Amino acid sequence: MFTKTTHGITINVQPEYDVKNSFPSENRFVFRYNIEIINNSNLNIKIMRRKWTIYDVGFGFTEVLGDGVIGLTPTLLRGETFNYFSNVVLRSGVGNMNGIFFINNILTDEVLELEIPKFSLLAEVLSN
């Protein structure tokens, strides 16, 4: 697991290679990543946007920007946790990801950035 705490809010990431949906012979390596956001701060927050930087060895960097997470803009009060999962496809089967969640402090409307820890992506089929 990969973990990063910013402003008292912890983000845990657990990536895994998705064997069933990957097709190495077609350069299609699918990874699922589970995200847990734990609000241990004194803030009530709303996740407004995200920015991902995806690195695929041999193919370079891709940046993905979007509103919310998985189509939602969840609110986390003090002490609450939010979990979700998503997927990414690499052509090489080796890479990494990291990013930022842009959140609003509900009380002040201040925008803060939460760092998403860098995590490795390695297709198991390539490590044998």
N, C-alpha and C. Protein backbone atom coordinates (compact mmCIF):
# COMPACT_ATOMS: atom_id res chain seq x y z
N MET A 1 0.84 -1.17 0.00
CA MET A 1 0.00 0.00 0.00
C MET A 1 0.89 1.24 0.00
N PHE A 2 0.41 2.28 -0.67
CA PHE A 2 1.12 3.55 -0.76
C PHE A 2 0.27 4.59 -0.02
N THR A 3 0.91 5.38 0.84
CA THR A 3 0.18 6.29 1.72
C THR A 3 0.80 7.68 1.71
N LYS A 4 -0.06 8.70 1.75
CA LYS A 4 0.40 10.09 1.86
C LYS A 4 -0.64 10.85 2.67
N THR A 5 -0.17 11.68 3.63
CA THR A 5 -1.06 12.52 4.43
C THR A 5 -0.74 13.98 4.15
N THR A 6 -1.77 14.74 3.80
CA THR A 6 -1.66 16.17 3.54
C THR A 6 -2.81 16.86 4.27
N HIS A 7 -2.51 17.93 5.00
CA HIS A 7 -3.53 18.69 5.73
C HIS A 7 -4.32 17.80 6.69
N GLY A 8 -3.72 16.71 7.17
CA GLY A 8 -4.41 15.81 8.09
C GLY A 8 -5.34 14.82 7.41
N ILE A 9 -5.30 14.77 6.09
CA ILE A 9 -6.15 13.86 5.31
C ILE A 9 -5.24 12.83 4.66
N THR A 10 -5.51 11.56 4.94
CA THR A 10 -4.66 10.47 4.46
C THR A 10 -5.27 9.83 3.22
N ILE A 11 -4.41 9.59 2.24
CA ILE A 11 -4.81 8.88 1.03
C ILE A 11 -3.99 7.61 0.95
N ASN A 12 -4.68 6.47 0.93
CA ASN A 12 -4.06 5.16 0.76
C ASN A 12 -4.40 4.65 -0.64
N VAL A 13 -3.40 4.10 -1.32
CA VAL A 13 -3.61 3.55 -2.66
C VAL A 13 -3.11 2.11 -2.67
N GLN A 14 -3.95 1.22 -3.18
CA GLN A 14 -3.56 -0.19 -3.34
C GLN A 14 -3.76 -0.58 -4.81
N PRO A 15 -2.68 -0.61 -5.61
CA PRO A 15 -2.83 -1.02 -7.01
C PRO A 15 -2.75 -2.53 -7.16
N GLU A 16 -3.36 -3.03 -8.21
CA GLU A 16 -3.23 -4.45 -8.54
C GLU A 16 -3.39 -4.65 -10.04
N TYR A 17 -2.67 -5.62 -10.55
CA TYR A 17 -2.73 -5.96 -11.97
C TYR A 17 -4.00 -6.75 -12.23
N ASP A 18 -4.75 -6.37 -13.26
CA ASP A 18 -6.01 -7.01 -13.61
C ASP A 18 -5.77 -8.02 -14.74
N VAL A 19 -5.47 -9.24 -14.35
CA VAL A 19 -5.13 -10.30 -15.31
C VAL A 19 -6.27 -10.56 -16.28
N LYS A 20 -7.49 -10.60 -15.78
CA LYS A 20 -8.65 -10.98 -16.60
C LYS A 20 -8.93 -10.01 -17.75
N ASN A 21 -8.62 -8.73 -17.56
CA ASN A 21 -8.93 -7.73 -18.58
C ASN A 21 -7.71 -7.26 -19.35
N SER A 22 -6.56 -7.87 -19.10
CA SER A 22 -5.33 -7.50 -19.79
C SER A 22 -5.07 -8.45 -20.95
N PHE A 23 -4.45 -7.89 -21.99
CA PHE A 23 -4.08 -8.67 -23.17
C PHE A 23 -2.66 -8.28 -23.57
N PRO A 24 -1.67 -8.91 -22.90
CA PRO A 24 -0.26 -8.55 -23.16
C PRO A 24 0.14 -8.63 -24.62
N SER A 25 -0.40 -9.58 -25.36
CA SER A 25 -0.03 -9.72 -26.78
C SER A 25 -0.51 -8.52 -27.61
N GLU A 26 -1.46 -7.76 -27.05
CA GLU A 26 -1.98 -6.56 -27.72
C GLU A 26 -1.49 -5.28 -27.03
N ASN A 27 -0.47 -5.42 -26.18
CA ASN A 27 0.06 -4.29 -25.40
C ASN A 27 -1.04 -3.57 -24.61
N ARG A 28 -1.87 -4.36 -23.95
CA ARG A 28 -2.95 -3.82 -23.12
C ARG A 28 -2.83 -4.43 -21.72
N PHE A 29 -2.29 -3.64 -20.80
CA PHE A 29 -2.08 -4.06 -19.42
C PHE A 29 -2.98 -3.20 -18.53
N VAL A 30 -3.97 -3.83 -17.91
CA VAL A 30 -4.95 -3.11 -17.11
C VAL A 30 -4.59 -3.22 -15.63
N PHE A 31 -4.66 -2.10 -14.94
CA PHE A 31 -4.42 -2.05 -13.51
C PHE A 31 -5.63 -1.43 -12.82
N ARG A 32 -5.99 -2.03 -11.72
CA ARG A 32 -7.05 -1.48 -10.87
C ARG A 32 -6.34 -0.84 -9.67
N TYR A 33 -6.82 0.30 -9.24
CA TYR A 33 -6.26 0.91 -8.04
C TYR A 33 -7.41 1.31 -7.11
N ASN A 34 -7.25 0.90 -5.86
CA ASN A 34 -8.24 1.20 -4.82
C ASN A 34 -7.73 2.40 -4.03
N ILE A 35 -8.60 3.38 -3.85
CA ILE A 35 -8.26 4.61 -3.14
C ILE A 35 -9.11 4.69 -1.87
N GLU A 36 -8.45 5.00 -0.76
CA GLU A 36 -9.13 5.26 0.50
C GLU A 36 -8.71 6.65 0.96
N ILE A 37 -9.69 7.52 1.20
CA ILE A 37 -9.44 8.87 1.67
C ILE A 37 -9.99 8.96 3.09
N ILE A 38 -9.12 9.26 4.05
CA ILE A 38 -9.49 9.29 5.46
C ILE A 38 -9.33 10.73 5.96
N ASN A 39 -10.43 11.34 6.38
CA ASN A 39 -10.40 12.71 6.84
C ASN A 39 -10.16 12.75 8.35
N ASN A 40 -8.89 12.80 8.74
CA ASN A 40 -8.51 12.91 10.15
C ASN A 40 -8.21 14.36 10.52
N SER A 41 -8.60 15.29 9.67
CA SER A 41 -8.34 16.70 9.92
C SER A 41 -9.49 17.31 10.72
N ASN A 42 -9.38 18.60 10.97
CA ASN A 42 -10.47 19.34 11.61
C ASN A 42 -11.36 20.00 10.57
N LEU A 43 -11.19 19.62 9.30
CA LEU A 43 -11.92 20.25 8.20
C LEU A 43 -13.07 19.38 7.73
N ASN A 44 -14.12 20.02 7.26
CA ASN A 44 -15.16 19.34 6.48
C ASN A 44 -14.87 19.69 5.03
N ILE A 45 -14.73 18.68 4.18
CA ILE A 45 -14.22 18.91 2.83
C ILE A 45 -15.14 18.32 1.77
N LYS A 46 -14.94 18.82 0.56
CA LYS A 46 -15.61 18.27 -0.62
C LYS A 46 -14.54 18.11 -1.70
N ILE A 47 -14.48 16.93 -2.29
CA ILE A 47 -13.50 16.66 -3.36
C ILE A 47 -14.09 17.20 -4.66
N MET A 48 -13.41 18.19 -5.23
CA MET A 48 -13.94 18.89 -6.41
C MET A 48 -13.32 18.41 -7.73
N ARG A 49 -12.00 18.22 -7.74
CA ARG A 49 -11.32 17.85 -8.99
C ARG A 49 -10.15 16.93 -8.68
N ARG A 50 -9.62 16.34 -9.74
CA ARG A 50 -8.44 15.50 -9.60
C ARG A 50 -7.52 15.75 -10.79
N LYS A 51 -6.24 15.49 -10.57
CA LYS A 51 -5.24 15.54 -11.64
C LYS A 51 -4.32 14.35 -11.45
N TRP A 52 -4.22 13.52 -12.47
CA TRP A 52 -3.34 12.35 -12.44
C TRP A 52 -2.20 12.56 -13.42
N THR A 53 -1.02 12.12 -13.03
CA THR A 53 0.12 12.01 -13.94
C THR A 53 0.44 10.52 -14.04
N ILE A 54 0.33 10.00 -15.25
CA ILE A 54 0.53 8.57 -15.51
C ILE A 54 1.80 8.41 -16.35
N TYR A 55 2.69 7.56 -15.88
CA TYR A 55 3.92 7.28 -16.62
C TYR A 55 3.89 5.84 -17.11
N ASP A 56 4.05 5.67 -18.42
CA ASP A 56 4.07 4.36 -19.06
C ASP A 56 5.45 4.21 -19.70
N VAL A 57 6.28 3.29 -19.17
CA VAL A 57 7.66 3.13 -19.64
C VAL A 57 7.68 2.95 -21.16
N GLY A 58 8.50 3.73 -21.81
CA GLY A 58 8.62 3.64 -23.27
C GLY A 58 7.59 4.47 -24.01
N PHE A 59 6.57 4.96 -23.32
CA PHE A 59 5.52 5.73 -23.98
C PHE A 59 5.34 7.12 -23.35
N GLY A 60 6.00 7.37 -22.23
CA GLY A 60 6.00 8.71 -21.65
C GLY A 60 4.87 8.99 -20.68
N PHE A 61 4.64 10.29 -20.48
CA PHE A 61 3.70 10.78 -19.48
C PHE A 61 2.37 11.18 -20.11
N THR A 62 1.30 10.95 -19.36
CA THR A 62 -0.03 11.41 -19.73
C THR A 62 -0.62 12.09 -18.51
N GLU A 63 -1.29 13.21 -18.73
CA GLU A 63 -1.96 13.91 -17.63
C GLU A 63 -3.47 13.81 -17.83
N VAL A 64 -4.17 13.48 -16.76
CA VAL A 64 -5.62 13.35 -16.81
C VAL A 64 -6.21 14.30 -15.78
N LEU A 65 -7.10 15.18 -16.24
CA LEU A 65 -7.79 16.13 -15.37
C LEU A 65 -9.28 15.83 -15.42
N GLY A 66 -9.96 16.05 -14.30
CA GLY A 66 -11.40 15.83 -14.31
C GLY A 66 -12.06 16.30 -13.04
N ASP A 67 -13.37 16.43 -13.12
CA ASP A 67 -14.15 16.82 -11.96
C ASP A 67 -14.36 15.62 -11.05
N GLY A 68 -14.29 15.85 -9.74
CA GLY A 68 -14.60 14.83 -8.75
C GLY A 68 -13.79 13.56 -8.91
N VAL A 69 -14.36 12.46 -8.43
CA VAL A 69 -13.79 11.13 -8.58
C VAL A 69 -14.91 10.19 -8.98
N ILE A 70 -14.69 9.36 -9.95
CA ILE A 70 -15.66 8.41 -10.50
C ILE A 70 -17.05 9.04 -10.66
N GLY A 71 -17.07 10.28 -11.14
CA GLY A 71 -18.34 10.96 -11.39
C GLY A 71 -19.00 11.56 -10.16
N LEU A 72 -18.32 11.53 -9.02
CA LEU A 72 -18.89 12.05 -7.77
C LEU A 72 -18.02 13.18 -7.23
N THR A 73 -18.63 14.04 -6.42
CA THR A 73 -17.88 15.04 -5.67
C THR A 73 -18.23 14.83 -4.20
N PRO A 74 -17.62 13.81 -3.60
CA PRO A 74 -18.01 13.42 -2.24
C PRO A 74 -17.62 14.45 -1.17
N THR A 75 -18.45 14.53 -0.15
CA THR A 75 -18.19 15.34 1.02
C THR A 75 -17.72 14.42 2.14
N LEU A 76 -16.65 14.82 2.81
CA LEU A 76 -16.14 14.06 3.95
C LEU A 76 -16.10 14.98 5.16
N LEU A 77 -16.94 14.69 6.12
CA LEU A 77 -16.90 15.43 7.37
C LEU A 77 -15.75 14.89 8.20
N ARG A 78 -15.41 15.60 9.25
CA ARG A 78 -14.32 15.17 10.14
C ARG A 78 -14.54 13.72 10.56
N GLY A 79 -13.49 12.91 10.41
CA GLY A 79 -13.56 11.52 10.84
C GLY A 79 -14.13 10.55 9.82
N GLU A 80 -14.62 11.04 8.68
CA GLU A 80 -15.22 10.15 7.69
C GLU A 80 -14.18 9.64 6.69
N THR A 81 -14.55 8.52 6.04
CA THR A 81 -13.70 7.87 5.05
C THR A 81 -14.50 7.66 3.78
N PHE A 82 -13.83 7.79 2.63
CA PHE A 82 -14.45 7.53 1.33
C PHE A 82 -13.53 6.58 0.57
N ASN A 83 -14.13 5.53 -0.02
CA ASN A 83 -13.39 4.53 -0.79
C ASN A 83 -13.94 4.46 -2.21
N TYR A 84 -13.05 4.26 -3.16
CA TYR A 84 -13.48 3.99 -4.53
C TYR A 84 -12.36 3.26 -5.26
N PHE A 85 -12.68 2.73 -6.43
CA PHE A 85 -11.65 2.13 -7.26
C PHE A 85 -11.81 2.62 -8.69
N SER A 86 -10.72 2.56 -9.42
CA SER A 86 -10.72 2.93 -10.82
C SER A 86 -9.69 2.07 -11.54
N ASN A 87 -9.51 2.32 -12.83
CA ASN A 87 -8.60 1.54 -13.65
C ASN A 87 -7.75 2.44 -14.52
N VAL A 88 -6.61 1.90 -14.93
CA VAL A 88 -5.76 2.57 -15.90
C VAL A 88 -5.18 1.49 -16.81
N VAL A 89 -4.96 1.85 -18.06
CA VAL A 89 -4.39 0.92 -19.03
C VAL A 89 -3.02 1.44 -19.45
N LEU A 90 -2.01 0.57 -19.36
CA LEU A 90 -0.67 0.88 -19.85
C LEU A 90 -0.38 0.02 -21.07
N ARG A 91 0.43 0.56 -21.98
CA ARG A 91 0.83 -0.22 -23.15
C ARG A 91 2.06 -1.06 -22.88
N SER A 92 2.92 -0.61 -21.94
CA SER A 92 4.17 -1.34 -21.68
C SER A 92 4.03 -2.36 -20.56
N GLY A 93 3.07 -2.15 -19.66
CA GLY A 93 2.93 -3.02 -18.50
C GLY A 93 3.76 -2.60 -17.31
N VAL A 94 4.52 -1.50 -17.46
CA VAL A 94 5.36 -0.99 -16.39
C VAL A 94 5.21 0.53 -16.33
N GLY A 95 4.97 1.06 -15.12
CA GLY A 95 4.87 2.50 -14.99
C GLY A 95 4.54 2.91 -13.57
N ASN A 96 4.01 4.11 -13.46
CA ASN A 96 3.58 4.59 -12.15
C ASN A 96 2.56 5.70 -12.33
N MET A 97 1.92 6.07 -11.21
CA MET A 97 0.95 7.15 -11.20
C MET A 97 1.11 7.96 -9.92
N ASN A 98 0.76 9.21 -9.99
CA ASN A 98 0.59 10.04 -8.81
C ASN A 98 -0.34 11.18 -9.20
N GLY A 99 -0.76 11.96 -8.20
CA GLY A 99 -1.69 13.01 -8.54
C GLY A 99 -2.04 13.93 -7.40
N ILE A 100 -3.10 14.69 -7.64
CA ILE A 100 -3.59 15.68 -6.68
C ILE A 100 -5.12 15.64 -6.69
N PHE A 101 -5.70 15.67 -5.49
CA PHE A 101 -7.12 15.95 -5.34
C PHE A 101 -7.24 17.42 -4.94
N PHE A 102 -8.11 18.15 -5.60
CA PHE A 102 -8.39 19.53 -5.24
C PHE A 102 -9.68 19.51 -4.42
N ILE A 103 -9.57 19.99 -3.18
CA ILE A 103 -10.72 19.93 -2.28
C ILE A 103 -11.12 21.34 -1.85
N ASN A 104 -12.37 21.46 -1.45
CA ASN A 104 -12.85 22.71 -0.87
C ASN A 104 -13.09 22.49 0.61
N ASN A 105 -12.62 23.44 1.41
CA ASN A 105 -12.99 23.49 2.82
C ASN A 105 -14.43 24.02 2.81
N ILE A 106 -15.38 23.21 3.24
CA ILE A 106 -16.79 23.57 3.14
C ILE A 106 -17.11 24.85 3.91
N LEU A 107 -16.46 25.08 5.04
CA LEU A 107 -16.77 26.25 5.86
C LEU A 107 -16.23 27.55 5.28
N THR A 108 -15.02 27.50 4.69
CA THR A 108 -14.38 28.73 4.21
C THR A 108 -14.35 28.85 2.69
N ASP A 109 -14.67 27.78 1.98
CA ASP A 109 -14.60 27.70 0.52
C ASP A 109 -13.15 27.78 0.00
N GLU A 110 -12.17 27.66 0.90
CA GLU A 110 -10.76 27.65 0.52
C GLU A 110 -10.46 26.38 -0.26
N VAL A 111 -9.68 26.50 -1.34
CA VAL A 111 -9.27 25.35 -2.13
C VAL A 111 -7.91 24.87 -1.63
N LEU A 112 -7.82 23.58 -1.33
CA LEU A 112 -6.58 22.96 -0.88
C LEU A 112 -6.23 21.82 -1.82
N GLU A 113 -4.96 21.46 -1.84
CA GLU A 113 -4.50 20.33 -2.65
C GLU A 113 -4.08 19.19 -1.74
N LEU A 114 -4.54 17.98 -2.09
CA LEU A 114 -4.12 16.77 -1.39
C LEU A 114 -3.26 15.96 -2.33
N GLU A 115 -2.07 15.61 -1.89
CA GLU A 115 -1.18 14.81 -2.73
C GLU A 115 -1.61 13.35 -2.71
N ILE A 116 -1.69 12.76 -3.88
CA ILE A 116 -1.92 11.33 -4.03
C ILE A 116 -0.54 10.70 -4.18
N PRO A 117 -0.19 9.73 -3.33
CA PRO A 117 1.18 9.21 -3.39
C PRO A 117 1.48 8.54 -4.73
N LYS A 118 2.75 8.63 -5.12
CA LYS A 118 3.19 7.92 -6.33
C LYS A 118 3.14 6.42 -6.04
N PHE A 119 2.54 5.66 -6.97
CA PHE A 119 2.50 4.22 -6.80
C PHE A 119 2.92 3.53 -8.08
N SER A 120 3.55 2.38 -7.90
CA SER A 120 4.12 1.61 -9.01
C SER A 120 3.07 0.71 -9.64
N LEU A 121 3.24 0.51 -10.94
CA LEU A 121 2.40 -0.40 -11.72
C LEU A 121 3.32 -1.36 -12.45
N LEU A 122 3.19 -2.64 -12.15
CA LEU A 122 4.03 -3.65 -12.79
C LEU A 122 3.19 -4.89 -13.07
N ALA A 123 3.03 -5.21 -14.35
CA ALA A 123 2.28 -6.39 -14.74
C ALA A 123 3.02 -7.63 -14.32
N GLU A 124 2.35 -8.47 -13.54
CA GLU A 124 2.99 -9.69 -13.01
C GLU A 124 3.54 -10.57 -14.11
N VAL A 125 2.90 -10.58 -15.25
CA VAL A 125 3.33 -11.43 -16.35
C VAL A 125 4.73 -11.05 -16.82
N LEU A 126 5.15 -9.80 -16.59
CA LEU A 126 6.48 -9.33 -17.01
C LEU A 126 7.56 -9.61 -16.00
N SER A 127 7.18 -9.97 -14.77
CA SER A 127 8.18 -10.17 -13.72
C SER A 127 8.65 -11.62 -13.61
N ASN A 128 8.15 -12.48 -14.45
CA ASN A 128 8.56 -13.91 -14.41
C ASN A 128 9.69 -14.17 -15.38
